[in-house]
């Protein structure tokens, strides 16, 4: 190229390797003009002068006498951070737009599939209207939570844990050095690391999303606890076996990476809410059973590694809940499709799994289990937790049941935290996580008083119209 362009000026692309651009003698000189076009990655040079510089470099002459127009500098390496940043931002924006476009198309396609199952029914249409009103009444709180979710430096969003759609999670990290004397975030924290919570979101196996855990995660991360909120395939993108597999895969990913995030692998707690409580219980019990079989060598995590399991407002006997869900608008036909047929209901009912004789050897591998439920829960009656606790106790598992009088399906998880002040659910969770840390217990009592996010009148209206 140089031989064919004598005396001509030509745009030559900059060669970039590992963020550096290698260019010889770029000082200004007569007959030698440098022009870097912002964002273009190109430099305009005089080819004659460039050939001269290259020849001198090959001859081993590192410098040249000054000429009339200025001085020649030594051959050097330099990096252009502005170009690197612009390229990085461009790539990031492109990937984000592509991801949003693909997700939008996916949601549209799945929504149409879902509509075919629901049909034109007054029950679900009424619930949709109530859901819209519920969201409007709580909008002041959702705006504040959304701002935190999208702009907080504590959160790394949509990290990948598997190969399937929606195999992503959000990672909430406490600020490094937040507590005096606390270990820093890094790969060598080990046993001195922070406790961690893995959260499995609810959503009736249909509308679950990892961002639903933001409010709880924010409260926990402020108490120096690492939080991961795991997303999973919802129906109709996946059925119950896919959901349990995703949840288990996500838990395994956390165990494999927790030390690099500054966490303690011996202080990992699993939390599930509503449908997430059911899926978390399935994953936990199935993993415990796998530990007793020859498959244990292939496991990415073990049930016995969990410090505890907290299940909030879950349903654990699908056979006894099927008619209840049908009356509430989750129609039997659709429910059975989610659960892969009526014959699969016992296989994905944690209560039935616990009572199975084949599960007895796995019972000692279970961590302590705490079941939370409100007595005014109409979505999933609190008896579901009571009966599951009885099944676990009958086989010798360690289980505790906490019932909250006059609390609905969403009071504990949404309305109460938005009300501010003391949060009973958060207090009960922290009491277990910080059971061996008296200093943290003292700080928990002070930090428990939260600011109000939504006026009381709107909270009462939201409770009144809630479809849950």
Protein backbone atom coordinates (compact mmCIF):
# COMPACT_ATOMS: atom_id res chain seq x y z
CA UNK A 1 0.00 0.00 0.00
CA UNK A 2 2.82 2.39 0.89
CA UNK A 3 4.60 1.80 -2.41
CA UNK A 4 1.53 2.62 -4.46
CA UNK A 5 0.67 5.86 -2.71
CA UNK A 6 3.86 7.95 -2.93
CA UNK A 7 3.30 11.48 -1.81
CA UNK A 8 -0.38 10.78 -1.17
CA UNK A 9 -2.19 11.18 2.13
CA UNK A 10 -4.35 8.24 3.11
CA UNK A 11 -6.51 7.30 6.07
CA UNK A 12 -4.98 4.29 7.80
CA UNK A 13 -6.98 2.35 10.37
CA UNK A 14 -5.55 2.25 13.84
CA UNK A 15 -4.52 -1.23 14.98
CA UNK A 16 -5.90 -1.88 18.46
CA UNK A 17 -4.68 -4.68 20.68
CA UNK A 18 -5.59 -4.98 24.34
CA UNK A 19 -6.74 -1.39 24.45
CA UNK A 20 -3.48 0.06 23.00
CA UNK A 21 -2.78 1.64 19.62
CA UNK A 22 0.77 1.32 18.36
CA UNK A 23 1.92 4.31 16.30
CA UNK A 24 5.46 5.51 15.48
CA UNK A 25 6.65 9.12 15.85
CA UNK A 26 3.33 10.98 16.09
CA UNK A 27 4.86 14.36 17.01
CA UNK A 28 3.88 17.24 14.75
CA UNK A 29 6.44 17.95 11.98
CA UNK A 30 6.54 19.66 8.61
CA UNK A 31 4.81 17.40 6.09
CA UNK A 32 3.44 15.17 8.87
CA UNK A 33 -0.07 15.85 10.12
CA UNK A 34 -1.95 13.82 12.71
CA UNK A 35 -5.71 14.02 12.88
CA UNK A 36 -7.60 11.67 15.20
CA UNK A 37 -11.28 11.54 14.39
CA UNK A 38 -13.27 11.13 17.58
CA UNK A 39 -15.12 7.83 17.62
CA UNK A 40 -13.85 6.81 14.13
CA UNK A 41 -10.73 4.95 15.20
CA UNK A 42 -8.77 6.51 12.26
CA UNK A 43 -5.64 8.65 11.98
CA UNK A 44 -4.65 10.69 8.90
CA UNK A 45 -0.90 10.65 8.23
CA UNK A 46 1.53 11.64 5.49
CA UNK A 47 2.57 8.33 3.93
CA UNK A 48 6.07 9.55 2.93
CA UNK A 49 6.90 10.53 6.47
CA UNK A 50 5.42 7.32 7.85
CA UNK A 51 7.56 5.26 5.45
CA UNK A 52 10.63 7.19 6.60
CA UNK A 53 9.85 6.52 10.25
CA UNK A 54 9.31 2.80 9.61
CA UNK A 55 12.59 2.55 7.71
CA UNK A 56 14.49 4.21 10.55
CA UNK A 57 12.88 1.87 13.05
CA UNK A 58 13.89 -1.17 10.97
CA UNK A 59 17.46 0.19 10.70
CA UNK A 60 17.63 0.48 14.46
CA UNK A 61 17.76 4.31 14.49
CA UNK A 62 15.47 5.26 17.39
CA UNK A 63 15.50 9.01 16.74
CA UNK A 64 15.98 11.72 14.14
CA UNK A 65 17.42 15.21 14.22
CA UNK A 66 14.89 18.00 14.55
CA UNK A 67 13.68 19.61 11.34
CA UNK A 68 12.28 22.99 10.45
CA UNK A 69 8.77 22.26 11.57
CA UNK A 70 9.42 20.85 15.04
CA UNK A 71 10.80 17.82 16.80
CA UNK A 72 10.37 14.13 16.20
CA UNK A 73 9.53 12.12 19.28
CA UNK A 74 10.70 8.68 20.17
CA UNK A 75 8.70 5.69 18.94
CA UNK A 76 6.14 5.00 21.62
CA UNK A 77 2.98 3.15 22.67
CA UNK A 78 -0.02 5.14 23.73
CA UNK A 79 -3.63 4.37 24.63
CA UNK A 80 -6.67 6.51 23.95
CA UNK A 81 -9.10 6.03 26.87
CA UNK A 82 -11.80 8.16 25.23
CA UNK A 83 -11.95 5.89 22.17
CA UNK A 84 -11.97 2.81 24.39
CA UNK A 85 -14.81 4.20 26.48
CA UNK A 86 -16.83 5.17 23.42
CA UNK A 87 -16.38 1.72 21.88
CA UNK A 88 -17.31 0.05 25.15
CA UNK A 89 -20.42 2.21 25.62
CA UNK A 90 -21.45 1.60 22.00
CA UNK A 91 -21.11 -2.16 22.40
CA UNK A 92 -22.96 -2.09 25.70
CA UNK A 93 -25.84 -0.06 24.25
CA UNK A 94 -26.03 -2.31 21.19
CA UNK A 95 -26.18 -5.43 23.35
CA UNK A 96 -28.79 -3.85 25.61
CA UNK A 97 -31.00 -2.83 22.67
CA UNK A 98 -30.71 -6.30 21.15
CA UNK A 99 -31.55 -7.89 24.50
CA UNK A 100 -34.57 -5.63 25.03
CA UNK A 101 -35.81 -6.29 21.48
CA UNK A 102 -35.51 -10.05 21.85
CA UNK A 103 -37.15 -9.97 25.28
CA UNK A 104 -40.02 -7.82 23.94
CA UNK A 105 -40.66 -10.25 21.11
CA UNK A 106 -40.43 -13.20 23.50
CA UNK A 107 -42.86 -11.65 25.98
CA UNK A 108 -45.32 -10.82 23.19
CA UNK A 109 -45.21 -14.35 21.82
CA UNK A 110 -45.56 -15.96 25.25
CA UNK A 111 -48.38 -13.58 26.19
CA UNK A 112 -50.35 -14.71 23.15
CA UNK A 113 -49.75 -18.33 24.14
CA UNK A 114 -50.89 -17.54 27.67
CA UNK A 115 -54.06 -15.87 26.39
CA UNK A 116 -54.98 -19.05 24.55
CA UNK A 117 -54.97 -20.89 27.89
CA UNK A 118 -56.88 -18.20 29.76
CA UNK A 119 -59.49 -17.53 27.11
CA UNK A 120 -62.11 -14.85 27.76
CA UNK A 121 -62.90 -15.35 31.43
CA UNK A 122 -64.42 -12.83 33.83
CA UNK A 123 -62.29 -14.09 36.71
CA UNK A 124 -58.88 -13.35 35.29
CA UNK A 125 -60.04 -10.13 33.58
CA UNK A 126 -61.34 -8.92 36.94
CA UNK A 127 -58.04 -9.85 38.55
CA UNK A 128 -56.11 -7.98 35.89
CA UNK A 129 -58.14 -4.83 36.57
CA UNK A 130 -57.57 -5.21 40.30
CA UNK A 131 -53.86 -5.80 39.70
CA UNK A 132 -53.67 -2.56 37.72
CA UNK A 133 -55.40 -0.60 40.51
CA UNK A 134 -53.19 -2.29 43.11
CA UNK A 135 -50.06 -1.19 41.24
CA UNK A 136 -51.39 2.37 40.86
CA UNK A 137 -52.04 2.74 44.60
CA UNK A 138 -48.52 1.50 45.40
CA UNK A 139 -46.91 3.52 42.60
CA UNK A 140 -45.12 6.00 44.93
CA UNK A 141 -43.27 3.08 46.48
CA UNK A 142 -42.62 1.31 43.18
CA UNK A 143 -41.06 4.49 41.73
CA UNK A 144 -38.58 4.70 44.62
CA UNK A 145 -37.79 0.99 44.44
CA UNK A 146 -37.40 1.20 40.66
CA UNK A 147 -34.99 4.11 40.96
CA UNK A 148 -32.89 2.11 43.41
CA UNK A 149 -33.00 -0.97 41.16
CA UNK A 150 -31.84 0.80 38.00
CA UNK A 151 -29.37 3.32 39.45
CA UNK A 152 -27.89 1.82 42.62
CA UNK A 153 -24.22 0.89 42.51
CA UNK A 154 -25.00 -1.98 44.88
CA UNK A 155 -26.65 -3.98 42.09
CA UNK A 156 -25.21 -5.95 39.19
CA UNK A 157 -28.22 -6.80 37.04
CA UNK A 158 -28.95 -9.72 34.72
CA UNK A 159 -25.83 -11.79 35.29
CA UNK A 160 -25.97 -15.17 33.56
CA UNK A 161 -26.01 -18.48 35.45
CA UNK A 162 -27.13 -20.94 32.74
CA UNK A 163 -27.75 -21.54 29.05
CA UNK A 164 -31.54 -21.45 29.03
CA UNK A 165 -33.77 -18.38 28.54
CA UNK A 166 -34.15 -16.28 31.69
CA UNK A 167 -31.21 -17.99 33.35
CA UNK A 168 -30.14 -14.68 34.87
CA UNK A 169 -29.84 -13.20 38.34
CA UNK A 170 -29.33 -9.87 40.06
CA UNK A 171 -26.44 -9.55 42.50
CA UNK A 172 -26.69 -7.11 45.42
CA UNK A 173 -23.35 -6.38 47.08
CA UNK A 174 -22.92 -4.36 50.27
CA UNK A 175 -20.51 -1.48 49.89
CA UNK A 176 -16.95 -2.72 50.46
CA UNK A 177 -15.77 -1.80 53.93
CA UNK A 178 -19.30 -0.79 54.93
CA UNK A 179 -18.74 -2.09 58.41
CA UNK A 180 -15.60 -1.27 60.33
CA UNK A 181 -13.24 -4.22 60.25
CA UNK A 182 -15.35 -6.09 57.70
CA UNK A 183 -13.54 -8.07 55.04
CA UNK A 184 -13.38 -6.47 51.60
CA UNK A 185 -15.03 -7.86 48.49
CA UNK A 186 -12.59 -10.18 46.75
CA UNK A 187 -11.67 -13.75 45.90
CA UNK A 188 -9.69 -14.38 49.10
CA UNK A 189 -12.33 -13.50 51.67
CA UNK A 190 -13.19 -17.11 52.48
CA UNK A 191 -14.50 -17.86 55.93
CA UNK A 192 -14.47 -14.20 56.99
CA UNK A 193 -16.93 -13.22 54.29
CA UNK A 194 -20.45 -11.92 54.57
CA UNK A 195 -23.57 -14.06 54.87
CA UNK A 196 -25.55 -14.43 51.64
CA UNK A 197 -29.22 -14.86 50.74
CA UNK A 198 -30.49 -16.55 47.58
CA UNK A 199 -33.98 -15.27 46.80
CA UNK A 200 -36.51 -17.14 44.61
CA UNK A 201 -39.31 -14.85 43.47
CA UNK A 202 -43.00 -15.68 43.31
CA UNK A 203 -45.55 -14.91 40.60
CA UNK A 204 -47.97 -17.87 40.35
CA UNK A 205 -45.41 -19.68 38.15
CA UNK A 206 -46.44 -17.23 35.38
CA UNK A 207 -45.41 -13.63 36.15
CA UNK A 208 -42.33 -14.14 38.32
CA UNK A 209 -39.34 -11.86 37.77
CA UNK A 210 -36.08 -11.36 39.64
CA UNK A 211 -36.72 -7.64 40.21
CA UNK A 212 -39.69 -8.52 42.47
CA UNK A 213 -37.14 -9.20 45.22
CA UNK A 214 -35.64 -5.69 45.16
CA UNK A 215 -37.43 -4.39 48.26
CA UNK A 216 -36.34 -7.29 50.46
CA UNK A 217 -32.86 -7.33 48.91
CA UNK A 218 -32.36 -3.64 49.65
CA UNK A 219 -33.20 -4.16 53.31
CA UNK A 220 -30.84 -7.14 53.57
CA UNK A 221 -27.92 -5.57 51.71
CA UNK A 222 -28.09 -2.59 54.08
CA UNK A 223 -27.53 -5.10 56.87
CA UNK A 224 -24.27 -6.23 55.27
CA UNK A 225 -25.75 -9.31 53.59
CA UNK A 226 -25.07 -10.33 49.97
CA UNK A 227 -28.27 -11.06 48.02
CA UNK A 228 -28.83 -12.88 44.73
CA UNK A 229 -32.31 -12.78 43.14
CA UNK A 230 -32.67 -15.66 40.71
CA UNK A 231 -34.87 -15.53 37.63
CA UNK A 232 -36.25 -18.70 36.03
CA UNK A 233 -38.42 -19.76 33.11
CA UNK A 234 -42.10 -19.04 33.76
CA UNK A 235 -45.05 -20.67 32.04
CA UNK A 236 -45.56 -20.95 29.07
CA UNK A 237 -41.81 -20.66 28.45
CA UNK A 238 -41.27 -23.58 30.79
CA UNK A 239 -43.14 -26.01 33.03
CA UNK A 240 -42.52 -26.95 36.65
CA UNK A 241 -39.60 -29.29 35.90
CA UNK A 242 -37.86 -26.49 33.99
CA UNK A 243 -38.47 -24.05 36.84
CA UNK A 244 -37.06 -26.39 39.48
CA UNK A 245 -34.05 -27.15 37.26
CA UNK A 246 -33.40 -23.42 36.75
CA UNK A 247 -33.67 -22.68 40.47
CA UNK A 248 -31.30 -25.52 41.32
CA UNK A 249 -28.84 -24.40 38.65
CA UNK A 250 -28.96 -20.85 39.99
CA UNK A 251 -28.31 -22.01 43.55
CA UNK A 252 -25.32 -24.02 42.33
CA UNK A 253 -23.93 -20.98 40.52
CA UNK A 254 -24.08 -18.97 43.74
CA UNK A 255 -22.22 -21.66 45.67
CA UNK A 256 -19.52 -21.78 42.99
CA UNK A 257 -18.97 -18.01 43.00
CA UNK A 258 -19.88 -16.77 46.47
CA UNK A 259 -16.29 -16.40 47.68
CA UNK A 260 -15.35 -14.23 44.70
CA UNK A 261 -18.20 -11.89 45.74
CA UNK A 262 -16.89 -11.64 49.30
CA UNK A 263 -19.33 -14.13 50.82
CA UNK A 264 -18.94 -17.00 53.24
CA UNK A 265 -19.88 -20.37 51.62
CA UNK A 266 -20.88 -21.65 55.06
CA UNK A 267 -23.43 -18.86 55.58
CA UNK A 268 -25.75 -19.16 52.58
CA UNK A 269 -29.50 -18.90 53.19
CA UNK A 270 -32.26 -19.78 50.73
CA UNK A 271 -35.45 -17.66 50.68
CA UNK A 272 -38.55 -18.33 48.57
CA UNK A 273 -41.80 -16.37 48.30
CA UNK A 274 -45.17 -17.74 47.09
CA UNK A 275 -44.48 -19.84 43.96
CA UNK A 276 -40.79 -19.29 44.71
CA UNK A 277 -41.30 -20.89 48.14
CA UNK A 278 -42.77 -23.95 46.43
CA UNK A 279 -39.96 -24.15 43.85
CA UNK A 280 -37.29 -23.56 46.48
CA UNK A 281 -38.72 -26.35 48.64
CA UNK A 282 -38.82 -28.70 45.63
CA UNK A 283 -35.21 -27.91 44.72
CA UNK A 284 -34.08 -28.32 48.33
CA UNK A 285 -35.79 -31.66 48.98
CA UNK A 286 -34.85 -33.10 45.59
CA UNK A 287 -31.22 -32.08 46.07
CA UNK A 288 -31.15 -33.69 49.52
CA UNK A 289 -32.47 -36.90 47.99
CA UNK A 290 -29.83 -36.77 45.24
CA UNK A 291 -27.14 -36.54 47.92
CA UNK A 292 -28.13 -39.98 49.17
CA UNK A 293 -27.81 -41.51 45.70
CA UNK A 294 -24.89 -42.18 43.41
CA UNK A 295 -25.57 -38.84 41.67
CA UNK A 296 -23.98 -36.95 44.55
CA UNK A 297 -20.58 -36.82 42.81
CA UNK A 298 -22.12 -34.67 40.05
CA UNK A 299 -23.88 -32.15 42.32
CA UNK A 300 -22.95 -28.47 42.06
CA UNK A 301 -24.40 -27.84 45.53
CA UNK A 302 -25.70 -29.84 48.47
CA UNK A 303 -28.77 -29.28 50.60
CA UNK A 304 -26.64 -29.74 53.70
CA UNK A 305 -24.49 -26.75 52.67
CA UNK A 306 -27.38 -24.32 53.18
CA UNK A 307 -27.46 -22.63 56.55
CA UNK A 308 -31.28 -22.38 56.55
CA UNK A 309 -34.34 -22.19 54.30
CA UNK A 310 -37.00 -19.47 54.72
CA UNK A 311 -40.29 -20.07 52.88
CA UNK A 312 -42.85 -17.25 52.73
CA UNK A 313 -46.52 -17.80 51.84
CA UNK A 314 -45.89 -20.97 49.87
CA UNK A 315 -48.05 -23.88 48.76
CA UNK A 316 -46.60 -27.35 49.28
CA UNK A 317 -49.39 -29.81 48.40
CA UNK A 318 -50.45 -29.16 44.82
CA UNK A 319 -53.23 -31.75 44.86
CA UNK A 320 -55.05 -30.11 47.75
CA UNK A 321 -54.54 -26.61 46.29
CA UNK A 322 -55.66 -27.30 42.71
CA UNK A 323 -59.38 -26.60 43.27
CA UNK A 324 -58.57 -23.57 45.41
CA UNK A 325 -56.42 -22.12 42.62
CA UNK A 326 -59.18 -22.82 40.09
CA UNK A 327 -61.65 -20.78 42.15
CA UNK A 328 -59.10 -17.97 42.44
CA UNK A 329 -58.62 -17.70 38.66
CA UNK A 330 -55.65 -20.02 38.03
CA UNK A 331 -57.78 -22.42 36.02
CA UNK A 332 -57.36 -26.16 36.42
CA UNK A 333 -56.50 -26.73 32.76
CA UNK A 334 -53.72 -24.18 32.86
CA UNK A 335 -52.50 -25.28 36.31
CA UNK A 336 -52.17 -28.90 35.16
CA UNK A 337 -50.28 -27.75 32.07
CA UNK A 338 -47.85 -25.82 34.29
CA UNK A 339 -47.40 -28.86 36.54
CA UNK A 340 -47.07 -31.30 33.60
CA UNK A 341 -50.25 -33.24 34.25
CA UNK A 342 -52.16 -34.55 37.24
CA UNK A 343 -49.82 -37.53 37.61
CA UNK A 344 -46.93 -35.12 38.28
CA UNK A 345 -48.60 -33.29 41.18
CA UNK A 346 -47.23 -35.63 43.91
CA UNK A 347 -43.76 -35.46 42.35
CA UNK A 348 -43.68 -31.67 42.71
CA UNK A 349 -45.48 -31.40 46.05
CA UNK A 350 -42.86 -30.90 48.80
CA UNK A 351 -45.30 -32.19 51.42
CA UNK A 352 -45.70 -35.47 49.51
CA UNK A 353 -41.95 -35.73 48.93
CA UNK A 354 -41.29 -35.30 52.66
CA UNK A 355 -43.80 -38.02 53.59
CA UNK A 356 -42.41 -40.48 51.04
CA UNK A 357 -40.58 -43.47 52.60
CA UNK A 358 -37.82 -43.06 50.01
CA UNK A 359 -37.03 -39.63 51.45
CA UNK A 360 -36.19 -40.80 54.99
CA UNK A 361 -32.45 -41.12 54.36
CA UNK A 362 -32.32 -37.54 53.06
CA UNK A 363 -33.96 -35.92 56.11
CA UNK A 364 -30.68 -35.44 58.09
CA UNK A 365 -29.27 -33.49 55.13
CA UNK A 366 -31.94 -30.78 55.31
CA UNK A 367 -31.03 -27.41 56.85
CA UNK A 368 -33.33 -25.81 59.46
CA UNK A 369 -36.54 -24.68 57.74
CA UNK A 370 -38.72 -21.72 58.74
CA UNK A 371 -42.19 -21.31 57.21
CA UNK A 372 -43.74 -17.82 57.28
CA UNK A 373 -47.43 -17.25 56.51
CA UNK A 374 -50.16 -14.68 57.11
CA UNK A 375 -53.45 -15.95 58.52
CA UNK A 376 -55.45 -13.67 56.17
CA UNK A 377 -53.77 -15.05 53.04
CA UNK A 378 -56.49 -15.84 50.48
CA UNK A 379 -54.14 -16.73 47.62
CA UNK A 380 -52.60 -19.65 49.50
CA UNK A 381 -54.25 -20.49 52.85
CA UNK A 382 -51.88 -20.54 55.82
CA UNK A 383 -52.89 -24.16 56.45
CA UNK A 384 -50.55 -25.05 53.56
CA UNK A 385 -47.55 -24.08 55.71
CA UNK A 386 -48.98 -25.72 58.83
CA UNK A 387 -49.49 -29.04 57.05
CA UNK A 388 -46.06 -28.94 55.40
CA UNK A 389 -44.48 -28.28 58.80
CA UNK A 390 -46.33 -31.28 60.23
CA UNK A 391 -45.04 -33.47 57.40
CA UNK A 392 -41.46 -32.33 58.01
CA UNK A 393 -41.75 -32.80 61.76
CA UNK A 394 -43.16 -36.30 61.31
CA UNK A 395 -39.94 -37.42 59.62
CA UNK A 396 -37.62 -35.63 62.06
CA UNK A 397 -36.69 -32.48 60.13
CA UNK A 398 -35.95 -29.23 61.97
CA UNK A 399 -38.81 -26.85 61.16
CA UNK A 400 -40.35 -23.73 62.66
CA UNK A 401 -43.66 -22.13 61.66
CA UNK A 402 -44.32 -18.41 62.12
CA UNK A 403 -47.91 -17.24 61.54
CA UNK A 404 -48.68 -13.53 61.30
CA UNK A 405 -52.23 -12.63 62.41
CA UNK A 406 -54.39 -10.79 59.85
CA UNK A 407 -51.60 -10.59 57.24
CA UNK A 408 -52.44 -11.18 53.57
CA UNK A 409 -50.37 -12.73 50.78
CA UNK A 410 -48.62 -9.44 50.03
CA UNK A 411 -48.70 -7.63 53.40
CA UNK A 412 -45.47 -9.15 54.69
CA UNK A 413 -43.60 -8.83 51.43
CA UNK A 414 -44.81 -5.48 50.03
CA UNK A 415 -47.21 -3.33 52.04
CA UNK A 416 -45.49 -3.68 55.42
CA UNK A 417 -42.00 -2.73 54.13
CA UNK A 418 -43.53 0.22 52.25
CA UNK A 419 -45.30 1.34 55.44
CA UNK A 420 -41.97 1.95 57.16
CA UNK A 421 -41.14 1.43 60.80
CA UNK A 422 -40.40 -2.06 62.05
CA UNK A 423 -40.81 -4.96 59.63
CA UNK A 424 -41.70 -8.22 61.41
CA UNK A 425 -40.64 -10.49 58.56
CA UNK A 426 -37.25 -8.80 58.18
CA UNK A 427 -36.72 -8.97 61.94
CA UNK A 428 -37.44 -12.71 61.99
CA UNK A 429 -35.07 -13.39 59.09
CA UNK A 430 -32.24 -11.30 60.56
CA UNK A 431 -32.70 -12.96 63.93
CA UNK A 432 -31.69 -16.26 62.34
CA UNK A 433 -28.94 -14.93 60.07
CA UNK A 434 -27.28 -12.94 62.87
CA UNK A 435 -27.97 -15.48 65.62
CA UNK A 436 -24.25 -15.88 66.34
CA UNK A 437 -23.32 -12.21 66.03
CA UNK A 438 -24.35 -10.10 69.02
CA UNK A 439 -22.90 -6.93 67.51
CA UNK A 440 -25.01 -7.32 64.35
CA UNK A 441 -28.09 -8.08 66.45
CA UNK A 442 -27.68 -4.76 68.24
CA UNK A 443 -27.31 -2.90 64.96
CA UNK A 444 -30.33 -4.74 63.51
CA UNK A 445 -32.57 -3.26 66.19
CA UNK A 446 -31.50 0.27 65.24
CA UNK A 447 -31.64 -0.31 61.47
CA UNK A 448 -35.10 -1.89 61.67
CA UNK A 449 -36.88 1.47 61.64
CA UNK A 450 -37.45 2.07 57.95
CA UNK A 451 -38.74 5.25 56.22
CA UNK A 452 -42.29 5.24 54.86
CA UNK A 453 -42.57 4.87 51.07
CA UNK A 454 -46.35 5.05 50.59
CA UNK A 455 -49.05 7.02 52.49
CA UNK A 456 -51.25 4.89 54.74
CA UNK A 457 -54.45 5.70 52.83
CA UNK A 458 -52.97 4.30 49.60
CA UNK A 459 -51.72 1.19 51.40
CA UNK A 460 -55.22 0.52 52.70
CA UNK A 461 -56.72 0.99 49.24
CA UNK A 462 -54.10 -1.34 47.75
CA UNK A 463 -54.93 -3.98 50.34
CA UNK A 464 -58.63 -3.62 49.56
CA UNK A 465 -58.28 -4.11 45.77
CA UNK A 466 -55.40 -6.61 45.89
CA UNK A 467 -56.00 -9.60 43.60
CA UNK A 468 -53.68 -11.73 45.72
